[in-house]
Amino acid sequence: MDVASLGSWQEGESAMKWRVISCVTVATLGVTLTLGQKAPRNTPQYDVANEVTFKGVVEEVREFKCPVGGALDGHITVKADDGKTFLVHLASPKFLKEYGISFAQGDRVEVLGAKAKVGEQEDIFARKIERGSQNFLFRDKDGKALW
């Protein structure tokens, strides 16, 4: 190998090292920024002190990107026997499908969950829902999600 070839090879190797260093730096910065992100302030959490139980009828079943967790989640709207209507947060679609949990309009249910202010409305984070002889668990006794 002559001196001219050696110089070109060294310049190529140097440029390649800088490209690798740049890529690693950008990747590290991306991971750092992602890990540093926190849930939005005032994101409601399950609070066992706010647990309620009520009976009612399912008015609507839907999946949407939930403002609480930011992911696609299952929800039902339940009209309680006292006339109040609540949006009930269930779980991820994957969890619901894996455990064969589904609801339909008109289902009579008993909901155990925690009230939480989401935006301007008061929602329910489900811990347990009974439908007839079926019991569906979404959280443990401390309110920790099972999915």
Protein backbone atom coordinates (compact mmCIF):
# COMPACT_ATOMS: atom_id res chain seq x y z
CA MET A 1 0.00 0.00 0.00
CA ASP A 2 1.48 3.36 -0.94
CA VAL A 3 1.36 6.51 1.20
CA ALA A 4 -1.40 8.14 -0.89
CA SER A 5 -3.65 5.10 -0.46
CA LEU A 6 -2.94 4.98 3.25
CA GLY A 7 -3.94 8.66 3.63
CA SER A 8 -7.26 8.09 1.80
CA TRP A 9 -7.99 5.01 3.88
CA GLN A 10 -7.26 6.91 7.12
CA GLU A 11 -9.48 9.83 6.03
CA GLY A 12 -12.26 7.36 5.17
CA GLU A 13 -11.88 5.61 8.53
CA SER A 14 -11.94 8.95 10.35
CA ALA A 15 -15.08 10.08 8.54
CA MET A 16 -16.70 6.73 9.30
CA LYS A 17 -15.84 7.05 13.01
CA TRP A 18 -17.44 10.53 13.08
CA ARG A 19 -20.59 9.17 11.43
CA VAL A 20 -20.82 6.37 14.01
CA ILE A 21 -20.22 8.81 16.88
CA SER A 22 -22.88 11.15 15.47
CA CYS A 23 -25.42 8.33 15.13
CA VAL A 24 -24.75 7.09 18.66
CA THR A 25 -25.07 10.64 20.02
CA VAL A 26 -28.39 11.23 18.24
CA ALA A 27 -29.73 7.84 19.40
CA THR A 28 -28.63 8.48 22.98
CA LEU A 29 -30.24 11.91 22.96
CA GLY A 30 -33.48 10.44 21.62
CA VAL A 31 -33.59 7.77 24.33
CA THR A 32 -32.74 10.32 27.02
CA LEU A 33 -35.52 12.65 25.89
CA THR A 34 -38.03 9.80 25.69
CA LEU A 35 -37.17 8.47 29.15
CA GLY A 36 -37.22 11.98 30.57
CA GLN A 37 -40.80 12.57 29.47
CA LYS A 38 -43.29 12.36 32.26
CA ALA A 39 -47.03 11.89 32.25
CA PRO A 40 -48.86 15.17 31.80
CA ARG A 41 -49.30 17.11 35.01
CA ASN A 42 -52.52 16.51 36.86
CA THR A 43 -52.98 13.08 35.26
CA PRO A 44 -55.50 11.37 37.51
CA GLN A 45 -54.44 8.18 39.26
CA TYR A 46 -56.47 5.40 40.82
CA ASP A 47 -57.19 6.35 44.42
CA VAL A 48 -58.83 3.69 46.62
CA ALA A 49 -60.08 6.49 48.89
CA ASN A 50 -62.38 7.55 46.01
CA GLU A 51 -63.88 4.11 45.36
CA VAL A 52 -67.59 3.84 44.70
CA THR A 53 -69.96 1.04 43.74
CA PHE A 54 -73.01 1.57 41.57
CA LYS A 55 -75.39 -0.37 39.36
CA GLY A 56 -76.51 0.68 35.94
CA VAL A 57 -76.89 -0.09 32.25
CA VAL A 58 -74.19 0.10 29.56
CA GLU A 59 -75.17 2.79 27.05
CA GLU A 60 -72.08 2.72 24.84
CA VAL A 61 -68.93 0.64 24.28
CA ARG A 62 -65.92 2.15 22.54
CA GLU A 63 -62.16 2.25 22.18
CA PHE A 64 -60.31 5.54 21.86
CA LYS A 65 -56.99 7.15 22.66
CA CYS A 66 -57.48 7.84 26.33
CA PRO A 67 -56.37 11.25 27.62
CA VAL A 68 -55.32 9.62 30.90
CA GLY A 69 -52.74 7.15 29.61
CA GLY A 70 -52.37 8.39 26.06
CA ALA A 71 -52.93 4.92 24.56
CA LEU A 72 -55.86 3.21 22.89
CA ASP A 73 -58.08 1.86 25.69
CA GLY A 74 -61.51 0.32 26.15
CA HIS A 75 -64.28 2.35 27.76
CA ILE A 76 -67.96 1.97 28.49
CA THR A 77 -70.55 4.62 29.25
CA VAL A 78 -72.85 3.51 32.07
CA LYS A 79 -76.08 5.18 33.10
CA ALA A 80 -76.35 4.55 36.85
CA ASP A 81 -79.66 3.70 38.48
CA ASP A 82 -79.69 7.18 40.06
CA GLY A 83 -79.68 8.75 36.58
CA LYS A 84 -76.03 9.88 36.49
CA THR A 85 -73.95 8.82 33.49
CA PHE A 86 -70.27 7.89 33.82
CA LEU A 87 -67.48 7.14 31.41
CA VAL A 88 -65.85 4.00 32.82
CA HIS A 89 -62.20 3.39 31.91
CA LEU A 90 -61.52 -0.33 31.50
CA ALA A 91 -58.15 -1.50 30.13
CA SER A 92 -56.11 -1.96 26.98
CA PRO A 93 -57.83 -3.72 24.06
CA LYS A 94 -55.14 -6.43 24.23
CA PHE A 95 -56.00 -7.17 27.89
CA LEU A 96 -59.73 -7.19 27.16
CA LYS A 97 -59.30 -9.56 24.22
CA GLU A 98 -56.86 -11.85 26.05
CA TYR A 99 -59.33 -12.39 28.89
CA GLY A 100 -62.46 -12.43 26.73
CA ILE A 101 -63.89 -9.30 28.34
CA SER A 102 -66.53 -7.52 26.31
CA PHE A 103 -69.63 -5.51 27.00
CA ALA A 104 -72.64 -4.59 24.90
CA GLN A 105 -75.19 -1.82 24.96
CA GLY A 106 -77.95 -2.78 27.38
CA ASP A 107 -75.79 -4.93 29.68
CA ARG A 108 -76.79 -4.56 33.32
CA VAL A 109 -73.62 -4.10 35.38
CA GLU A 110 -72.37 -3.33 38.86
CA VAL A 111 -69.23 -1.21 38.80
CA LEU A 112 -66.62 -0.93 41.54
CA GLY A 113 -64.09 1.77 40.73
CA ALA A 114 -62.53 5.04 41.73
CA LYS A 115 -63.97 8.39 40.79
CA ALA A 116 -61.42 10.65 39.11
CA LYS A 117 -61.65 14.09 37.53
CA VAL A 118 -60.66 13.84 33.85
CA GLY A 119 -60.81 17.23 32.24
CA GLU A 120 -64.09 18.74 33.29
CA GLN A 121 -65.93 15.50 33.97
CA GLU A 122 -65.90 12.90 36.71
CA ASP A 123 -65.02 9.47 35.31
CA ILE A 124 -64.64 6.04 36.88
CA PHE A 125 -61.51 3.90 36.71
CA ALA A 126 -62.88 0.36 36.90
CA ARG A 127 -61.44 -2.08 39.41
CA LYS A 128 -64.16 -4.72 39.08
CA ILE A 129 -67.33 -5.05 37.03
CA GLU A 130 -70.01 -7.66 37.62
CA ARG A 131 -72.45 -8.68 34.91
CA GLY A 132 -74.85 -11.34 36.12
CA SER A 133 -72.68 -14.14 37.49
CA GLN A 134 -69.56 -12.89 35.69
CA ASN A 135 -66.86 -10.89 37.48
CA PHE A 136 -64.26 -8.93 35.51
CA LEU A 137 -61.18 -7.64 37.35
CA PHE A 138 -59.16 -4.72 36.00
CA ARG A 139 -57.13 -3.72 39.08
CA ASP A 140 -55.98 -5.31 42.31
CA LYS A 141 -57.29 -4.25 45.75
CA ASP A 142 -54.71 -1.44 45.87
CA GLY A 143 -55.80 -0.06 42.49
CA LYS A 144 -52.80 -1.32 40.53
CA ALA A 145 -53.71 -2.12 36.91
CA LEU A 146 -53.66 -5.81 36.00
CA TRP A 147 -52.66 -5.13 32.39
